Amino acid sequence: KKVYPFVSGEDKKKKKNPDQPEKKINLQIT
């Protein structure tokens, strides 16, 4: 299994615009 961690954990996720879903690649976000 290969997981690429978020760049800076929670901050990275908070910065994301919740209205913009992950669509660039069809990989699972956990």
PDB file of all heavy atoms in Angstrom:
ATOM      1  N   LYS A   1       0.862  -1.184   0.000  1.00  0.00           N
ATOM      2  CA  LYS A   1       0.000   0.000   0.000  1.00  0.00           C
ATOM      3  C   LYS A   1       0.896   1.230   0.000  1.00  0.00           C
ATOM      4  O   LYS A   1       1.962   1.222   0.601  1.00  0.00           O
ATOM      5  CB  LYS A   1      -0.859  -0.025   1.275  1.00  0.00           C
ATOM      6  CG  LYS A   1      -1.907   1.072   1.358  1.00  0.00           C
ATOM      7  CD  LYS A   1      -2.767   0.849   2.617  1.00  0.00           C
ATOM      8  CE  LYS A   1      -3.825   1.923   2.768  1.00  0.00           C
ATOM      9  NZ  LYS A   1      -4.604   1.747   3.996  1.00  0.00           N
ATOM     10  N   LYS A   2       0.456   2.278  -0.694  1.00  0.00           N
ATOM     11  CA  LYS A   2       1.193   3.535  -0.674  1.00  0.00           C
ATOM     12  C   LYS A   2       0.241   4.672  -0.372  1.00  0.00           C
ATOM     13  O   LYS A   2      -0.749   4.881  -1.069  1.00  0.00           O
ATOM     14  CB  LYS A   2       1.877   3.785  -2.028  1.00  0.00           C
ATOM     15  CG  LYS A   2       2.596   5.136  -2.126  1.00  0.00           C
ATOM     16  CD  LYS A   2       3.767   5.210  -1.167  1.00  0.00           C
ATOM     17  CE  LYS A   2       4.404   6.580  -1.154  1.00  0.00           C
ATOM     18  NZ  LYS A   2       5.469   6.672  -0.139  1.00  0.00           N
ATOM     19  N   VAL A   3       0.539   5.397   0.708  1.00  0.00           N
ATOM     20  CA  VAL A   3      -0.265   6.567   1.072  1.00  0.00           C
ATOM     21  C   VAL A   3       0.652   7.785   1.054  1.00  0.00           C
ATOM     22  O   VAL A   3       1.721   7.776   1.677  1.00  0.00           O
ATOM     23  CB  VAL A   3      -0.869   6.409   2.491  1.00  0.00           C
ATOM     24  CG1 VAL A   3      -1.740   7.611   2.832  1.00  0.00           C
ATOM     25  CG2 VAL A   3      -1.689   5.133   2.592  1.00  0.00           C
ATOM     26  N   TYR A   4       0.258   8.810   0.316  1.00  0.00           N
ATOM     27  CA  TYR A   4       0.997  10.078   0.372  1.00  0.00           C
ATOM     28  C   TYR A   4       0.337  10.948   1.435  1.00  0.00           C
ATOM     29  O   TYR A   4      -0.816  11.364   1.263  1.00  0.00           O
ATOM     30  CB  TYR A   4       0.947  10.798  -0.978  1.00  0.00           C
ATOM     31  CG  TYR A   4       1.779  10.121  -2.031  1.00  0.00           C
ATOM     32  CD1 TYR A   4       1.189   9.359  -3.030  1.00  0.00           C
ATOM     33  CD2 TYR A   4       3.173  10.223  -2.011  1.00  0.00           C
ATOM     34  CE1 TYR A   4       1.966   8.720  -3.997  1.00  0.00           C
ATOM     35  CE2 TYR A   4       3.952   9.587  -2.970  1.00  0.00           C
ATOM     36  CZ  TYR A   4       3.342   8.844  -3.955  1.00  0.00           C
ATOM     37  OH  TYR A   4       4.105   8.209  -4.898  1.00  0.00           O
ATOM     38  N   PRO A   5       1.048  11.210   2.552  1.00  0.00           N
ATOM     39  CA  PRO A   5       0.425  12.002   3.616  1.00  0.00           C
ATOM     40  C   PRO A   5       0.147  13.421   3.137  1.00  0.00           C
ATOM     41  O   PRO A   5       0.803  13.908   2.212  1.00  0.00           O
ATOM     42  CB  PRO A   5       1.491  12.021   4.726  1.00  0.00           C
ATOM     43  CG  PRO A   5       2.558  11.083   4.297  1.00  0.00           C
ATOM     44  CD  PRO A   5       2.438  10.879   2.825  1.00  0.00           C
ATOM     45  N   PHE A   6      -0.840  14.083   3.772  1.00  0.00           N
ATOM     46  CA  PHE A   6      -1.083  15.484   3.458  1.00  0.00           C
ATOM     47  C   PHE A   6       0.144  16.279   3.868  1.00  0.00           C
ATOM     48  O   PHE A   6       0.815  15.948   4.850  1.00  0.00           O
ATOM     49  CB  PHE A   6      -2.333  15.995   4.192  1.00  0.00           C
ATOM     50  CG  PHE A   6      -3.588  15.345   3.695  1.00  0.00           C
ATOM     51  CD1 PHE A   6      -4.346  14.529   4.534  1.00  0.00           C
ATOM     52  CD2 PHE A   6      -3.997  15.513   2.385  1.00  0.00           C
ATOM     53  CE1 PHE A   6      -5.489  13.910   4.074  1.00  0.00           C
ATOM     54  CE2 PHE A   6      -5.150  14.887   1.920  1.00  0.00           C
ATOM     55  CZ  PHE A   6      -5.893  14.095   2.758  1.00  0.00           C
ATOM     56  N   VAL A   7       0.382  17.386   3.159  1.00  0.00           N
ATOM     57  CA  VAL A   7       1.647  18.108   3.346  1.00  0.00           C
ATOM     58  C   VAL A   7       1.855  18.520   4.792  1.00  0.00           C
ATOM     59  O   VAL A   7       2.881  18.268   5.381  1.00  0.00           O
ATOM     60  CB  VAL A   7       1.717  19.341   2.411  1.00  0.00           C
ATOM     61  CG1 VAL A   7       2.995  20.117   2.659  1.00  0.00           C
ATOM     62  CG2 VAL A   7       1.661  18.881   0.964  1.00  0.00           C
ATOM     63  N   SER A   8       0.852  19.159   5.386  1.00  0.00           N
ATOM     64  CA  SER A   8       1.051  19.500   6.793  1.00  0.00           C
ATOM     65  C   SER A   8      -0.197  19.136   7.576  1.00  0.00           C
ATOM     66  O   SER A   8      -0.833  19.949   8.210  1.00  0.00           O
ATOM     67  CB  SER A   8       1.383  20.979   6.954  1.00  0.00           C
ATOM     68  OG  SER A   8       0.371  21.745   6.350  1.00  0.00           O
ATOM     69  N   GLY A   9      -0.560  17.895   7.458  1.00  0.00           N
ATOM     70  CA  GLY A   9      -1.649  17.336   8.262  1.00  0.00           C
ATOM     71  C   GLY A   9      -2.932  18.142   8.206  1.00  0.00           C
ATOM     72  O   GLY A   9      -3.421  18.496   7.152  1.00  0.00           O
ATOM     73  N   GLU A  10      -3.443  18.491   9.401  1.00  0.00           N
ATOM     74  CA  GLU A  10      -4.762  19.118   9.510  1.00  0.00           C
ATOM     75  C   GLU A  10      -4.809  20.474   8.793  1.00  0.00           C
ATOM     76  O   GLU A  10      -5.790  20.808   8.174  1.00  0.00           O
ATOM     77  CB  GLU A  10      -5.120  19.306  10.997  1.00  0.00           C
ATOM     78  CG  GLU A  10      -5.438  18.002  11.708  1.00  0.00           C
ATOM     79  CD  GLU A  10      -6.540  17.230  11.028  1.00  0.00           C
ATOM     80  OE1 GLU A  10      -7.589  17.813  10.735  1.00  0.00           O
ATOM     81  OE2 GLU A  10      -6.324  16.038  10.752  1.00  0.00           O
ATOM     82  N   ASP A  11      -3.701  21.260   8.888  1.00  0.00           N
ATOM     83  CA  ASP A  11      -3.717  22.599   8.289  1.00  0.00           C
ATOM     84  C   ASP A  11      -4.036  22.509   6.808  1.00  0.00           C
ATOM     85  O   ASP A  11      -4.807  23.268   6.270  1.00  0.00           O
ATOM     86  CB  ASP A  11      -2.338  23.285   8.424  1.00  0.00           C
ATOM     87  CG  ASP A  11      -1.896  23.311   9.875  1.00  0.00           C
ATOM     88  OD1 ASP A  11      -2.787  23.142  10.713  1.00  0.00           O
ATOM     89  OD2 ASP A  11      -0.704  23.498  10.145  1.00  0.00           O
ATOM     90  N   LYS A  12      -3.408  21.540   6.163  1.00  0.00           N
ATOM     91  CA  LYS A  12      -3.575  21.368   4.712  1.00  0.00           C
ATOM     92  C   LYS A  12      -5.037  21.113   4.399  1.00  0.00           C
ATOM     93  O   LYS A  12      -5.604  21.670   3.483  1.00  0.00           O
ATOM     94  CB  LYS A  12      -2.692  20.211   4.245  1.00  0.00           C
ATOM     95  CG  LYS A  12      -2.860  19.804   2.805  1.00  0.00           C
ATOM     96  CD  LYS A  12      -2.049  20.711   1.921  1.00  0.00           C
ATOM     97  CE  LYS A  12      -1.861  20.208   0.516  1.00  0.00           C
ATOM     98  NZ  LYS A  12      -2.849  19.642  -0.200  1.00  0.00           N
ATOM     99  N   LYS A  13      -5.667  20.259   5.243  1.00  0.00           N
ATOM    100  CA  LYS A  13      -7.060  19.905   4.980  1.00  0.00           C
ATOM    101  C   LYS A  13      -7.973  21.112   5.242  1.00  0.00           C
ATOM    102  O   LYS A  13      -8.914  21.339   4.530  1.00  0.00           O
ATOM    103  CB  LYS A  13      -7.470  18.718   5.846  1.00  0.00           C
ATOM    104  CG  LYS A  13      -7.027  17.397   5.263  1.00  0.00           C
ATOM    105  CD  LYS A  13      -7.730  16.241   5.924  1.00  0.00           C
ATOM    106  CE  LYS A  13      -6.926  15.787   7.121  1.00  0.00           C
ATOM    107  NZ  LYS A  13      -7.514  14.591   7.731  1.00  0.00           N
ATOM    108  N   LYS A  14      -7.626  21.896   6.299  1.00  0.00           N
ATOM    109  CA  LYS A  14      -8.462  23.047   6.641  1.00  0.00           C
ATOM    110  C   LYS A  14      -8.429  24.091   5.536  1.00  0.00           C
ATOM    111  O   LYS A  14      -9.405  24.732   5.242  1.00  0.00           O
ATOM    112  CB  LYS A  14      -7.967  23.667   7.950  1.00  0.00           C
ATOM    113  CG  LYS A  14      -8.532  22.970   9.172  1.00  0.00           C
ATOM    114  CD  LYS A  14      -7.990  23.623  10.431  1.00  0.00           C
ATOM    115  CE  LYS A  14      -8.080  22.651  11.590  1.00  0.00           C
ATOM    116  NZ  LYS A  14      -7.072  22.907  12.608  1.00  0.00           N
ATOM    117  N   LYS A  15      -7.235  24.242   4.929  1.00  0.00           N
ATOM    118  CA  LYS A  15      -7.070  25.255   3.895  1.00  0.00           C
ATOM    119  C   LYS A  15      -7.887  24.943   2.649  1.00  0.00           C
ATOM    120  O   LYS A  15      -8.234  25.804   1.885  1.00  0.00           O
ATOM    121  CB  LYS A  15      -5.599  25.391   3.496  1.00  0.00           C
ATOM    122  CG  LYS A  15      -4.897  26.507   4.238  1.00  0.00           C
ATOM    123  CD  LYS A  15      -3.513  26.692   3.696  1.00  0.00           C
ATOM    124  CE  LYS A  15      -2.499  26.017   4.594  1.00  0.00           C
ATOM    125  NZ  LYS A  15      -1.154  26.051   4.096  1.00  0.00           N
ATOM    126  N   LYS A  16      -8.193  23.685   2.444  1.00  0.00           N
ATOM    127  CA  LYS A  16      -8.926  23.280   1.234  1.00  0.00           C
ATOM    128  C   LYS A  16     -10.320  23.880   1.244  1.00  0.00           C
ATOM    129  O   LYS A  16     -10.976  23.928   2.273  1.00  0.00           O
ATOM    130  CB  LYS A  16      -9.051  21.742   1.177  1.00  0.00           C
ATOM    131  CG  LYS A  16      -7.830  21.099   0.633  1.00  0.00           C
ATOM    132  CD  LYS A  16      -8.154  19.689   0.261  1.00  0.00           C
ATOM    133  CE  LYS A  16      -6.954  19.033  -0.361  1.00  0.00           C
ATOM    134  NZ  LYS A  16      -6.562  19.665  -1.612  1.00  0.00           N
ATOM    135  N   ASN A  17     -10.762  24.316   0.092  1.00  0.00           N
ATOM    136  CA  ASN A  17     -12.123  24.813  -0.030  1.00  0.00           C
ATOM    137  C   ASN A  17     -13.069  23.610   0.004  1.00  0.00           C
ATOM    138  O   ASN A  17     -13.012  22.752  -0.864  1.00  0.00           O
ATOM    139  CB  ASN A  17     -12.231  25.557  -1.372  1.00  0.00           C
ATOM    140  CG  ASN A  17     -13.630  26.101  -1.587  1.00  0.00           C
ATOM    141  OD1 ASN A  17     -14.561  25.706  -0.887  1.00  0.00           O
ATOM    142  ND2 ASN A  17     -13.773  26.987  -2.546  1.00  0.00           N
ATOM    143  N   PRO A  18     -13.928  23.527   1.014  1.00  0.00           N
ATOM    144  CA  PRO A  18     -14.801  22.351   1.130  1.00  0.00           C
ATOM    145  C   PRO A  18     -15.727  22.185  -0.080  1.00  0.00           C
ATOM    146  O   PRO A  18     -16.221  21.120  -0.350  1.00  0.00           O
ATOM    147  CB  PRO A  18     -15.598  22.608   2.407  1.00  0.00           C
ATOM    148  CG  PRO A  18     -15.458  24.062   2.685  1.00  0.00           C
ATOM    149  CD  PRO A  18     -14.178  24.525   2.062  1.00  0.00           C
ATOM    150  N   ASP A  19     -15.976  23.299  -0.817  1.00  0.00           N
ATOM    151  CA  ASP A  19     -16.862  23.208  -1.989  1.00  0.00           C
ATOM    152  C   ASP A  19     -16.155  22.647  -3.215  1.00  0.00           C
ATOM    153  O   ASP A  19     -16.771  22.436  -4.243  1.00  0.00           O
ATOM    154  CB  ASP A  19     -17.427  24.587  -2.335  1.00  0.00           C
ATOM    155  CG  ASP A  19     -18.222  25.162  -1.158  1.00  0.00           C
ATOM    156  OD1 ASP A  19     -18.771  24.341  -0.401  1.00  0.00           O
ATOM    157  OD2 ASP A  19     -18.250  26.392  -0.995  1.00  0.00           O
ATOM    158  N   GLN A  20     -14.831  22.464  -3.109  1.00  0.00           N
ATOM    159  CA  GLN A  20     -14.103  21.916  -4.247  1.00  0.00           C
ATOM    160  C   GLN A  20     -13.671  20.491  -3.945  1.00  0.00           C
ATOM    161  O   GLN A  20     -12.683  20.256  -3.266  1.00  0.00           O
ATOM    162  CB  GLN A  20     -12.856  22.757  -4.533  1.00  0.00           C
ATOM    163  CG  GLN A  20     -13.185  24.081  -5.193  1.00  0.00           C
ATOM    164  CD  GLN A  20     -11.920  24.827  -5.540  1.00  0.00           C
ATOM    165  OE1 GLN A  20     -10.970  24.846  -4.771  1.00  0.00           O
ATOM    166  NE2 GLN A  20     -11.901  25.431  -6.709  1.00  0.00           N
ATOM    167  N   PRO A  21     -14.431  19.513  -4.428  1.00  0.00           N
ATOM    168  CA  PRO A  21     -14.069  18.124  -4.120  1.00  0.00           C
ATOM    169  C   PRO A  21     -12.776  17.732  -4.832  1.00  0.00           C
ATOM    170  O   PRO A  21     -12.404  18.328  -5.840  1.00  0.00           O
ATOM    171  CB  PRO A  21     -15.256  17.324  -4.677  1.00  0.00           C
ATOM    172  CG  PRO A  21     -15.871  18.205  -5.705  1.00  0.00           C
ATOM    173  CD  PRO A  21     -15.602  19.618  -5.298  1.00  0.00           C
ATOM    174  N   GLU A  22     -12.094  16.722  -4.273  1.00  0.00           N
ATOM    175  CA  GLU A  22     -10.877  16.181  -4.896  1.00  0.00           C
ATOM    176  C   GLU A  22     -11.260  15.547  -6.224  1.00  0.00           C
ATOM    177  O   GLU A  22     -11.834  14.487  -6.256  1.00  0.00           O
ATOM    178  CB  GLU A  22     -10.289  15.087  -3.987  1.00  0.00           C
ATOM    179  CG  GLU A  22      -9.628  15.614  -2.746  1.00  0.00           C
ATOM    180  CD  GLU A  22      -8.232  16.110  -3.027  1.00  0.00           C
ATOM    181  OE1 GLU A  22      -7.722  15.868  -4.131  1.00  0.00           O
ATOM    182  OE2 GLU A  22      -7.650  16.753  -2.149  1.00  0.00           O
ATOM    183  N   LYS A  23     -10.913  16.193  -7.334  1.00  0.00           N
ATOM    184  CA  LYS A  23     -11.346  15.582  -8.589  1.00  0.00           C
ATOM    185  C   LYS A  23     -10.160  15.311  -9.521  1.00  0.00           C
ATOM    186  O   LYS A  23     -10.304  14.741 -10.579  1.00  0.00           O
ATOM    187  CB  LYS A  23     -12.389  16.501  -9.253  1.00  0.00           C
ATOM    188  CG  LYS A  23     -13.314  15.813 -10.213  1.00  0.00           C
ATOM    189  CD  LYS A  23     -14.118  14.709  -9.557  1.00  0.00           C
ATOM    190  CE  LYS A  23     -14.520  13.627 -10.547  1.00  0.00           C
ATOM    191  NZ  LYS A  23     -13.886  12.352 -10.355  1.00  0.00           N
ATOM    192  N   LYS A  24      -8.962  15.770  -9.107  1.00  0.00           N
ATOM    193  CA  LYS A  24      -7.830  15.680 -10.022  1.00  0.00           C
ATOM    194  C   LYS A  24      -7.517  14.240 -10.383  1.00  0.00           C
ATOM    195  O   LYS A  24      -7.272  13.896 -11.519  1.00  0.00           O
ATOM    196  CB  LYS A  24      -6.596  16.352  -9.402  1.00  0.00           C
ATOM    197  CG  LYS A  24      -5.477  16.566 -10.416  1.00  0.00           C
ATOM    198  CD  LYS A  24      -4.425  17.468  -9.861  1.00  0.00           C
ATOM    199  CE  LYS A  24      -3.480  16.763  -8.917  1.00  0.00           C
ATOM    200  NZ  LYS A  24      -2.632  15.743  -9.498  1.00  0.00           N
ATOM    201  N   ILE A  25      -7.522  13.376  -9.396  1.00  0.00           N
ATOM    202  CA  ILE A  25      -7.253  11.958  -9.648  1.00  0.00           C
ATOM    203  C   ILE A  25      -8.305  11.145  -8.912  1.00  0.00           C
ATOM    204  O   ILE A  25      -8.846  11.595  -7.916  1.00  0.00           O
ATOM    205  CB  ILE A  25      -5.842  11.543  -9.145  1.00  0.00           C
ATOM    206  CG1 ILE A  25      -5.522  12.239  -7.821  1.00  0.00           C
ATOM    207  CG2 ILE A  25      -4.789  11.804 -10.183  1.00  0.00           C
ATOM    208  CD1 ILE A  25      -4.203  11.867  -7.228  1.00  0.00           C
ATOM    209  N   ASN A  26      -8.554   9.943  -9.408  1.00  0.00           N
ATOM    210  CA  ASN A  26      -9.612   9.127  -8.795  1.00  0.00           C
ATOM    211  C   ASN A  26      -9.070   8.287  -7.654  1.00  0.00           C
ATOM    212  O   ASN A  26      -9.436   7.141  -7.510  1.00  0.00           O
ATOM    213  CB  ASN A  26     -10.214   8.186  -9.834  1.00  0.00           C
ATOM    214  CG  ASN A  26     -10.743   8.961 -11.003  1.00  0.00           C
ATOM    215  OD1 ASN A  26     -11.262  10.043 -10.808  1.00  0.00           O
ATOM    216  ND2 ASN A  26     -10.608   8.424 -12.198  1.00  0.00           N
ATOM    217  N   LEU A  27      -8.138   8.814  -6.899  1.00  0.00           N
ATOM    218  CA  LEU A  27      -7.558   8.014  -5.830  1.00  0.00           C
ATOM    219  C   LEU A  27      -8.285   8.305  -4.533  1.00  0.00           C
ATOM    220  O   LEU A  27      -8.854   9.375  -4.348  1.00  0.00           O
ATOM    221  CB  LEU A  27      -6.063   8.311  -5.704  1.00  0.00           C
ATOM    222  CG  LEU A  27      -5.266   8.023  -6.973  1.00  0.00           C
ATOM    223  CD1 LEU A  27      -3.818   8.422  -6.774  1.00  0.00           C
ATOM    224  CD2 LEU A  27      -5.332   6.562  -7.354  1.00  0.00           C
ATOM    225  N   GLN A  28      -8.218   7.355  -3.643  1.00  0.00           N
ATOM    226  CA  GLN A  28      -8.983   7.468  -2.403  1.00  0.00           C
ATOM    227  C   GLN A  28      -8.311   8.466  -1.458  1.00  0.00           C
ATOM    228  O   GLN A  28      -7.098   8.438  -1.262  1.00  0.00           O
ATOM    229  CB  GLN A  28      -9.003   6.085  -1.763  1.00  0.00           C
ATOM    230  CG  GLN A  28     -10.025   5.949  -0.676  1.00  0.00           C
ATOM    231  CD  GLN A  28      -9.910   4.585  -0.025  1.00  0.00           C
ATOM    232  OE1 GLN A  28      -9.485   3.633  -0.663  1.00  0.00           O
ATOM    233  NE2 GLN A  28     -10.257   4.501   1.229  1.00  0.00           N
ATOM    234  N   ILE A  29      -9.111   9.354  -0.903  1.00  0.00           N
ATOM    235  CA  ILE A  29      -8.592  10.299   0.083  1.00  0.00           C
ATOM    236  C   ILE A  29      -8.986   9.777   1.469  1.00  0.00           C
ATOM    237  O   ILE A  29     -10.159   9.536   1.726  1.00  0.00           O
ATOM    238  CB  ILE A  29      -9.219  11.711  -0.111  1.00  0.00           C
ATOM    239  CG1 ILE A  29      -9.187  12.128  -1.580  1.00  0.00           C
ATOM    240  CG2 ILE A  29      -8.559  12.741   0.773  1.00  0.00           C
ATOM    241  CD1 ILE A  29      -7.853  12.388  -2.181  1.00  0.00           C
ATOM    242  N   THR A  30      -8.009   9.575   2.344  1.00  0.00           N
ATOM    243  CA  THR A  30      -8.329   9.090   3.700  1.00  0.00           C
ATOM    244  C   THR A  30      -7.761  10.080   4.712  1.00  0.00           C
ATOM    245  O   THR A  30      -7.122  11.060   4.344  1.00  0.00           O
ATOM    246  CB  THR A  30      -7.679   7.710   3.956  1.00  0.00           C
ATOM    247  OG1 THR A  30      -6.255   7.894   3.961  1.00  0.00           O
ATOM    248  CG2 THR A  30      -8.055   6.703   2.890  1.00  0.00           C
TER     249      THR A  30
END
